[in-house]
């Protein structure tokens, strides 16, 4: 008998808002033939591999997809979609975590997953096409913008 408290078919996706010194963020365009949201805009990031440290995973993905070494990352948004109905994640329970990194180094070098990149303002980013992301990118950017207006 299965335990109803254990969630099966789970996928964790992590993305990172990489912020340049002038406040612009890195947007990546997925290759047209990519299996997940091909031809649409993206943030660097990706999956979590079993047994991997969760922070190390997002830093690895930023390095693999954008060629940048994220020295620090801070989570700013978490979302979930249970039993996704269509697309690459159909039938899965997807948890998305978005981080922000202002402390990074390197020059952008794209992986085969992406064909171009742009440094854009947050408002320019939300006007891009993301494909079937269930609103994850726009909500992540809203969360990021809200951190800009908070004072300590």
N, C-alpha and C. Protein backbone atom coordinates (compact mmCIF):
# COMPACT_ATOMS: atom_id res chain seq x y z
N UNK A 1 0.84 -1.18 0.00
CA UNK A 1 0.00 0.00 0.00
C UNK A 1 0.88 1.24 0.00
N UNK A 2 0.55 2.20 -0.84
CA UNK A 2 1.39 3.40 -0.92
C UNK A 2 1.02 4.37 0.20
N UNK A 3 2.00 5.15 0.57
CA UNK A 3 1.82 6.16 1.62
C UNK A 3 1.30 7.44 0.96
N UNK A 4 0.08 7.90 1.31
CA UNK A 4 -0.47 9.10 0.65
C UNK A 4 0.30 10.38 0.97
N UNK A 5 1.19 10.34 1.94
CA UNK A 5 1.98 11.52 2.29
C UNK A 5 3.23 11.66 1.42
N UNK A 6 3.54 10.61 0.67
CA UNK A 6 4.72 10.65 -0.19
C UNK A 6 4.30 11.05 -1.59
N UNK A 7 4.85 12.13 -2.07
CA UNK A 7 4.52 12.64 -3.39
C UNK A 7 5.41 11.96 -4.43
N UNK A 8 4.79 11.38 -5.42
CA UNK A 8 5.53 10.68 -6.47
C UNK A 8 5.60 11.55 -7.72
N UNK A 9 6.47 11.17 -8.63
CA UNK A 9 6.63 11.87 -9.91
C UNK A 9 6.92 13.36 -9.71
N UNK A 10 7.94 13.63 -8.91
CA UNK A 10 8.30 15.01 -8.57
C UNK A 10 9.49 15.45 -9.40
N UNK A 11 9.43 16.68 -9.87
CA UNK A 11 10.55 17.28 -10.58
C UNK A 11 10.83 18.63 -9.95
N UNK A 12 12.09 18.90 -9.62
CA UNK A 12 12.49 20.19 -9.06
C UNK A 12 13.25 20.94 -10.15
N UNK A 13 12.78 22.16 -10.42
CA UNK A 13 13.42 23.02 -11.42
C UNK A 13 13.92 24.27 -10.69
N UNK A 14 15.14 24.65 -10.97
CA UNK A 14 15.72 25.84 -10.36
C UNK A 14 16.20 26.79 -11.45
N UNK A 15 15.90 28.07 -11.28
CA UNK A 15 16.33 29.10 -12.20
C UNK A 15 17.02 30.20 -11.40
N UNK A 16 17.84 30.99 -12.08
CA UNK A 16 18.58 32.03 -11.39
C UNK A 16 18.53 33.34 -12.17
N UNK A 17 18.14 34.40 -11.47
CA UNK A 17 18.17 35.74 -12.03
C UNK A 17 19.59 36.27 -11.79
N UNK A 18 20.37 36.34 -12.85
CA UNK A 18 21.74 36.83 -12.77
C UNK A 18 21.70 38.33 -13.04
N UNK A 19 22.14 39.12 -12.06
CA UNK A 19 22.02 40.57 -12.14
C UNK A 19 23.40 41.18 -12.39
N UNK A 20 23.48 42.00 -13.42
CA UNK A 20 24.70 42.74 -13.75
C UNK A 20 24.76 44.00 -12.89
N UNK A 21 25.92 44.61 -12.81
CA UNK A 21 26.13 45.80 -11.99
C UNK A 21 25.20 46.95 -12.30
N UNK A 22 24.73 47.05 -13.55
CA UNK A 22 23.82 48.13 -13.94
C UNK A 22 22.35 47.77 -13.71
N UNK A 23 22.10 46.62 -13.08
CA UNK A 23 20.74 46.21 -12.76
C UNK A 23 20.05 45.37 -13.81
N UNK A 24 20.70 45.20 -14.97
CA UNK A 24 20.10 44.37 -16.02
C UNK A 24 20.28 42.90 -15.67
N UNK A 25 19.34 42.08 -16.16
CA UNK A 25 19.38 40.65 -15.87
C UNK A 25 19.59 39.87 -17.16
N UNK A 26 20.14 38.69 -17.00
CA UNK A 26 20.49 37.85 -18.13
C UNK A 26 19.28 37.04 -18.60
N UNK A 27 18.92 37.21 -19.87
CA UNK A 27 17.86 36.42 -20.50
C UNK A 27 18.50 35.54 -21.56
N UNK A 28 18.14 34.27 -21.57
CA UNK A 28 18.66 33.32 -22.54
C UNK A 28 17.53 32.85 -23.45
N UNK A 29 17.81 32.68 -24.74
CA UNK A 29 16.79 32.17 -25.65
C UNK A 29 17.07 30.70 -25.94
N UNK A 30 16.07 29.86 -25.68
CA UNK A 30 16.20 28.43 -25.89
C UNK A 30 16.27 28.12 -27.38
N UNK A 31 17.04 27.12 -27.73
CA UNK A 31 17.12 26.67 -29.12
C UNK A 31 15.72 26.28 -29.59
N UNK A 32 15.42 26.56 -30.86
CA UNK A 32 14.09 26.30 -31.41
C UNK A 32 13.68 24.83 -31.27
N UNK A 33 14.65 23.92 -31.38
CA UNK A 33 14.34 22.49 -31.32
C UNK A 33 14.48 21.90 -29.92
N UNK A 34 14.63 22.76 -28.90
CA UNK A 34 14.77 22.26 -27.53
C UNK A 34 13.48 21.59 -27.08
N UNK A 35 13.61 20.53 -26.31
CA UNK A 35 12.47 19.73 -25.86
C UNK A 35 11.55 20.47 -24.88
N UNK A 36 12.03 21.50 -24.26
CA UNK A 36 11.24 22.22 -23.26
C UNK A 36 11.17 23.71 -23.62
N UNK A 37 10.03 24.15 -24.09
CA UNK A 37 9.78 25.55 -24.42
C UNK A 37 10.73 26.07 -25.51
N UNK A 38 10.99 25.27 -26.52
CA UNK A 38 11.89 25.64 -27.61
C UNK A 38 11.53 26.98 -28.24
N UNK A 39 12.55 27.81 -28.50
CA UNK A 39 12.38 29.11 -29.12
C UNK A 39 11.92 30.21 -28.17
N UNK A 40 11.72 29.88 -26.91
CA UNK A 40 11.26 30.86 -25.93
C UNK A 40 12.41 31.32 -25.03
N UNK A 41 12.15 32.40 -24.29
CA UNK A 41 13.16 32.97 -23.41
C UNK A 41 13.18 32.27 -22.06
N UNK A 42 14.30 32.40 -21.38
CA UNK A 42 14.58 31.58 -20.21
C UNK A 42 15.53 32.33 -19.28
N UNK A 43 15.65 31.83 -18.08
CA UNK A 43 16.71 32.20 -17.15
C UNK A 43 17.66 31.01 -17.07
N UNK A 44 18.93 31.24 -16.75
CA UNK A 44 19.80 30.08 -16.57
C UNK A 44 19.32 29.23 -15.40
N UNK A 45 19.46 27.95 -15.55
CA UNK A 45 19.05 27.02 -14.49
C UNK A 45 18.56 25.74 -15.10
N UNK A 46 18.06 24.88 -14.26
CA UNK A 46 17.59 23.59 -14.76
C UNK A 46 17.26 22.66 -13.63
N UNK A 47 17.51 21.40 -13.85
CA UNK A 47 17.10 20.36 -12.92
C UNK A 47 18.07 20.13 -11.77
N UNK A 48 17.53 19.44 -10.82
CA UNK A 48 18.27 18.99 -9.64
C UNK A 48 18.53 17.51 -9.84
N UNK A 49 19.76 17.12 -9.64
CA UNK A 49 20.10 15.71 -9.80
C UNK A 49 20.10 15.04 -8.43
N UNK A 50 19.54 13.86 -8.37
CA UNK A 50 19.39 13.14 -7.10
C UNK A 50 20.72 13.08 -6.35
N UNK A 51 20.68 13.46 -5.07
CA UNK A 51 21.86 13.42 -4.22
C UNK A 51 22.70 14.69 -4.27
N UNK A 52 22.37 15.58 -5.19
CA UNK A 52 23.13 16.81 -5.35
C UNK A 52 22.70 17.84 -4.30
N UNK A 53 23.64 18.62 -3.83
CA UNK A 53 23.32 19.74 -2.95
C UNK A 53 22.49 20.73 -3.75
N UNK A 54 21.39 21.19 -3.20
CA UNK A 54 20.44 22.02 -3.94
C UNK A 54 21.05 23.34 -4.42
N UNK A 55 21.88 23.97 -3.60
CA UNK A 55 22.54 25.22 -4.00
C UNK A 55 23.62 24.93 -5.04
N UNK A 56 24.35 23.85 -4.85
CA UNK A 56 25.36 23.47 -5.84
C UNK A 56 24.70 23.19 -7.19
N UNK A 57 23.49 22.66 -7.18
CA UNK A 57 22.79 22.34 -8.42
C UNK A 57 22.48 23.59 -9.24
N UNK A 58 21.97 24.62 -8.60
CA UNK A 58 21.65 25.83 -9.36
C UNK A 58 22.92 26.52 -9.84
N UNK A 59 23.97 26.50 -9.02
CA UNK A 59 25.25 27.09 -9.46
C UNK A 59 25.82 26.31 -10.65
N UNK A 60 25.69 24.98 -10.62
CA UNK A 60 26.16 24.14 -11.73
C UNK A 60 25.40 24.48 -13.01
N UNK A 61 24.09 24.62 -12.90
CA UNK A 61 23.28 24.94 -14.08
C UNK A 61 23.63 26.30 -14.67
N UNK A 62 23.87 27.30 -13.82
CA UNK A 62 24.27 28.62 -14.32
C UNK A 62 25.59 28.52 -15.07
N UNK A 63 26.51 27.75 -14.53
CA UNK A 63 27.80 27.57 -15.18
C UNK A 63 27.64 26.82 -16.51
N UNK A 64 26.86 25.73 -16.51
CA UNK A 64 26.68 24.95 -17.73
C UNK A 64 25.96 25.74 -18.83
N UNK A 65 24.93 26.49 -18.47
CA UNK A 65 24.11 27.14 -19.48
C UNK A 65 24.61 28.52 -19.90
N UNK A 66 25.29 29.22 -18.98
CA UNK A 66 25.70 30.60 -19.29
C UNK A 66 27.19 30.83 -19.16
N UNK A 67 27.94 29.85 -18.65
CA UNK A 67 29.38 30.02 -18.50
C UNK A 67 29.78 30.93 -17.36
N UNK A 68 28.85 31.23 -16.46
CA UNK A 68 29.11 32.15 -15.34
C UNK A 68 29.23 31.38 -14.03
N UNK A 69 30.13 31.83 -13.19
CA UNK A 69 30.29 31.23 -11.87
C UNK A 69 29.53 32.08 -10.87
N UNK A 70 28.42 31.55 -10.40
CA UNK A 70 27.62 32.25 -9.38
C UNK A 70 28.26 31.97 -8.03
N UNK A 71 28.81 33.00 -7.42
CA UNK A 71 29.46 32.82 -6.12
C UNK A 71 28.43 32.66 -5.01
N UNK A 72 27.39 33.46 -5.05
CA UNK A 72 26.30 33.33 -4.08
C UNK A 72 24.97 33.38 -4.81
N UNK A 73 24.01 32.65 -4.28
CA UNK A 73 22.63 32.67 -4.78
C UNK A 73 21.71 32.72 -3.57
N UNK A 74 20.62 33.47 -3.73
CA UNK A 74 19.63 33.58 -2.66
C UNK A 74 18.25 33.28 -3.23
N UNK A 75 17.49 32.38 -2.59
CA UNK A 75 16.16 32.08 -3.11
C UNK A 75 15.23 33.27 -2.93
N UNK A 76 14.41 33.54 -3.96
CA UNK A 76 13.45 34.65 -3.86
C UNK A 76 12.03 34.25 -4.20
N UNK A 77 11.83 33.09 -4.84
CA UNK A 77 10.49 32.69 -5.23
C UNK A 77 10.40 31.17 -5.33
N UNK A 78 9.30 30.62 -4.83
CA UNK A 78 9.03 29.18 -4.92
C UNK A 78 7.61 29.01 -5.43
N UNK A 79 7.43 28.07 -6.34
CA UNK A 79 6.11 27.81 -6.92
C UNK A 79 5.96 26.31 -7.13
N UNK A 80 4.73 25.85 -7.25
CA UNK A 80 4.53 24.44 -7.56
C UNK A 80 3.29 24.27 -8.43
N UNK A 81 3.34 23.24 -9.24
CA UNK A 81 2.21 22.88 -10.10
C UNK A 81 2.05 21.37 -9.98
N UNK A 82 0.92 20.98 -9.44
CA UNK A 82 0.66 19.56 -9.21
C UNK A 82 0.00 18.94 -10.43
N UNK A 83 0.47 17.77 -10.80
CA UNK A 83 -0.07 17.01 -11.92
C UNK A 83 -0.23 17.87 -13.17
N UNK A 84 0.90 18.33 -13.66
CA UNK A 84 0.93 19.17 -14.86
C UNK A 84 0.20 18.45 -15.99
N UNK A 85 -0.64 19.17 -16.69
CA UNK A 85 -1.52 18.55 -17.70
C UNK A 85 -0.90 18.40 -19.08
N UNK A 86 0.04 19.29 -19.45
CA UNK A 86 0.57 19.21 -20.82
C UNK A 86 2.03 19.63 -20.86
N UNK A 87 2.64 19.40 -22.03
CA UNK A 87 4.02 19.80 -22.23
C UNK A 87 5.02 18.79 -21.71
N UNK A 88 6.26 19.24 -21.64
CA UNK A 88 7.39 18.39 -21.26
C UNK A 88 7.20 17.75 -19.88
N UNK A 89 6.53 18.44 -18.95
CA UNK A 89 6.36 17.96 -17.58
C UNK A 89 5.01 17.32 -17.33
N UNK A 90 4.28 16.94 -18.37
CA UNK A 90 2.95 16.36 -18.21
C UNK A 90 3.00 15.16 -17.28
N UNK A 91 2.06 15.13 -16.34
CA UNK A 91 1.95 14.03 -15.39
C UNK A 91 2.85 14.15 -14.18
N UNK A 92 3.66 15.21 -14.12
CA UNK A 92 4.58 15.39 -13.00
C UNK A 92 4.09 16.46 -12.03
N UNK A 93 4.62 16.39 -10.83
CA UNK A 93 4.42 17.42 -9.82
C UNK A 93 5.71 18.25 -9.82
N UNK A 94 5.61 19.49 -10.28
CA UNK A 94 6.80 20.31 -10.51
C UNK A 94 6.90 21.40 -9.45
N UNK A 95 8.08 21.48 -8.85
CA UNK A 95 8.39 22.53 -7.90
C UNK A 95 9.47 23.41 -8.54
N UNK A 96 9.22 24.69 -8.60
CA UNK A 96 10.18 25.63 -9.17
C UNK A 96 10.70 26.57 -8.11
N UNK A 97 12.00 26.76 -8.10
CA UNK A 97 12.64 27.69 -7.17
C UNK A 97 13.46 28.66 -8.01
N UNK A 98 13.28 29.95 -7.74
CA UNK A 98 14.07 30.95 -8.43
C UNK A 98 14.99 31.65 -7.43
N UNK A 99 16.21 31.83 -7.83
CA UNK A 99 17.25 32.47 -7.01
C UNK A 99 17.68 33.76 -7.69
N UNK A 100 18.40 34.58 -6.96
CA UNK A 100 19.03 35.75 -7.54
C UNK A 100 20.51 35.69 -7.21
N UNK A 101 21.35 36.07 -8.18
CA UNK A 101 22.79 36.16 -7.95
C UNK A 101 23.30 37.50 -8.46
N UNK A 102 23.84 38.27 -7.54
CA UNK A 102 24.49 39.53 -7.91
C UNK A 102 26.02 39.38 -7.83
N UNK A 103 26.44 38.29 -7.24
CA UNK A 103 27.85 38.02 -7.01
C UNK A 103 28.28 36.85 -7.90
N UNK A 104 28.76 37.18 -9.08
CA UNK A 104 29.16 36.17 -10.06
C UNK A 104 30.35 36.70 -10.85
N UNK A 105 30.95 35.80 -11.59
CA UNK A 105 32.07 36.22 -12.44
C UNK A 105 32.07 35.42 -13.73
N UNK A 106 32.77 35.97 -14.72
CA UNK A 106 32.91 35.29 -16.00
C UNK A 106 32.28 36.06 -17.12
N UNK A 107 32.36 35.50 -18.30
CA UNK A 107 31.76 36.06 -19.51
C UNK A 107 30.72 35.06 -20.00
N UNK A 108 29.62 35.57 -20.51
CA UNK A 108 28.54 34.69 -20.97
C UNK A 108 29.04 33.81 -22.12
N UNK A 109 28.90 32.51 -21.93
CA UNK A 109 29.20 31.50 -22.94
C UNK A 109 28.02 30.54 -22.95
N UNK A 110 27.28 30.51 -24.04
CA UNK A 110 26.06 29.73 -24.10
C UNK A 110 26.32 28.25 -24.35
N UNK A 111 25.47 27.41 -23.75
CA UNK A 111 25.48 25.98 -24.04
C UNK A 111 24.67 25.74 -25.30
N UNK A 112 24.60 24.49 -25.73
CA UNK A 112 23.83 24.13 -26.93
C UNK A 112 22.33 24.33 -26.72
N UNK A 113 21.89 24.45 -25.47
CA UNK A 113 20.46 24.62 -25.18
C UNK A 113 19.94 26.00 -25.57
N UNK A 114 20.85 26.96 -25.70
CA UNK A 114 20.44 28.34 -25.97
C UNK A 114 21.16 28.89 -27.20
N UNK A 115 20.49 29.80 -27.90
CA UNK A 115 21.05 30.34 -29.14
C UNK A 115 21.45 31.81 -29.05
N UNK A 116 20.90 32.54 -28.07
CA UNK A 116 21.28 33.93 -27.90
C UNK A 116 21.00 34.37 -26.47
N UNK A 117 21.54 35.52 -26.14
CA UNK A 117 21.28 36.09 -24.82
C UNK A 117 21.17 37.59 -24.93
N UNK A 118 20.54 38.17 -23.93
CA UNK A 118 20.40 39.62 -23.82
C UNK A 118 20.50 40.00 -22.35
N UNK A 119 21.05 41.17 -22.10
CA UNK A 119 20.98 41.78 -20.77
C UNK A 119 19.82 42.76 -20.84
N UNK A 120 18.78 42.53 -20.06
CA UNK A 120 17.55 43.31 -20.14
C UNK A 120 17.14 43.83 -18.76
N UNK A 121 16.32 44.86 -18.76
CA UNK A 121 15.74 45.33 -17.51
C UNK A 121 14.67 44.33 -17.08
N UNK A 122 14.32 44.33 -15.80
CA UNK A 122 13.24 43.43 -15.38
C UNK A 122 11.94 43.64 -16.16
N UNK A 123 11.59 44.89 -16.45
CA UNK A 123 10.35 45.13 -17.21
C UNK A 123 10.47 44.63 -18.64
N UNK A 124 11.65 44.72 -19.24
CA UNK A 124 11.85 44.15 -20.58
C UNK A 124 11.74 42.63 -20.53
N UNK A 125 12.26 42.04 -19.46
CA UNK A 125 12.23 40.58 -19.33
C UNK A 125 10.79 40.06 -19.33
N UNK A 126 9.91 40.69 -18.56
CA UNK A 126 8.54 40.17 -18.47
C UNK A 126 7.77 40.34 -19.77
N UNK A 127 8.28 41.15 -20.71
CA UNK A 127 7.60 41.30 -22.00
C UNK A 127 8.02 40.22 -23.00
N UNK A 128 8.99 39.39 -22.65
CA UNK A 128 9.47 38.33 -23.54
C UNK A 128 8.50 37.15 -23.53
N UNK A 129 8.64 36.28 -24.52
CA UNK A 129 7.82 35.07 -24.60
C UNK A 129 8.52 33.92 -23.89
N UNK A 130 7.79 33.27 -22.95
CA UNK A 130 8.38 32.17 -22.16
C UNK A 130 7.79 30.82 -22.50
N UNK A 131 6.76 30.76 -23.30
CA UNK A 131 6.11 29.49 -23.59
C UNK A 131 5.31 29.02 -22.39
N UNK A 132 5.08 27.73 -22.30
CA UNK A 132 4.24 27.14 -21.25
C UNK A 132 5.02 27.00 -19.94
N UNK A 133 5.14 28.11 -19.21
CA UNK A 133 5.87 28.07 -17.93
C UNK A 133 4.95 28.26 -16.74
N UNK A 134 3.63 28.28 -16.97
CA UNK A 134 2.63 28.47 -15.91
C UNK A 134 2.85 29.74 -15.11
N UNK A 135 3.43 30.77 -15.73
CA UNK A 135 3.62 32.05 -15.07
C UNK A 135 4.84 32.14 -14.17
N UNK A 136 5.66 31.09 -14.15
CA UNK A 136 6.81 31.03 -13.24
C UNK A 136 7.79 32.20 -13.43
N UNK A 137 8.13 32.52 -14.67
CA UNK A 137 9.13 33.57 -14.91
C UNK A 137 8.62 34.95 -14.51
N UNK A 138 7.39 35.27 -14.90
CA UNK A 138 6.84 36.58 -14.53
C UNK A 138 6.72 36.72 -13.01
N UNK A 139 6.27 35.68 -12.34
CA UNK A 139 6.14 35.74 -10.88
C UNK A 139 7.51 35.83 -10.21
N UNK A 140 8.51 35.16 -10.77
CA UNK A 140 9.87 35.24 -10.23
C UNK A 140 10.40 36.67 -10.35
N UNK A 141 10.16 37.30 -11.50
CA UNK A 141 10.64 38.67 -11.70
C UNK A 141 9.89 39.63 -10.77
N UNK A 142 8.59 39.42 -10.59
CA UNK A 142 7.83 40.25 -9.64
C UNK A 142 8.43 40.13 -8.24
N UNK A 143 8.76 38.92 -7.83
CA UNK A 143 9.37 38.72 -6.52
C UNK A 143 10.72 39.44 -6.44
N UNK A 144 11.50 39.36 -7.52
CA UNK A 144 12.78 40.05 -7.55
C UNK A 144 12.59 41.56 -7.44
N UNK A 145 11.67 42.10 -8.22
CA UNK A 145 11.41 43.55 -8.17
C UNK A 145 10.99 43.98 -6.78
N UNK A 146 10.21 43.15 -6.10
CA UNK A 146 9.77 43.51 -4.74
C UNK A 146 10.96 43.61 -3.78
N UNK A 147 12.03 42.86 -4.06
CA UNK A 147 13.21 42.95 -3.19
C UNK A 147 13.95 44.26 -3.40
N UNK A 148 13.78 44.88 -4.57
CA UNK A 148 14.46 46.13 -4.87
C UNK A 148 13.86 47.30 -4.10
N UNK A 149 12.59 47.19 -3.76
CA UNK A 149 11.93 48.31 -3.10
C UNK A 149 11.87 48.18 -1.58
N UNK A 150 12.39 47.09 -1.05
CA UNK A 150 12.38 46.92 0.40
C UNK A 150 13.61 47.59 1.01
N UNK A 151 13.44 48.10 2.18
CA UNK A 151 14.56 48.72 2.90
C UNK A 151 14.76 48.02 4.22
N UNK A 152 15.97 48.05 4.69
CA UNK A 152 16.29 47.38 5.95
C UNK A 152 16.41 48.43 7.04
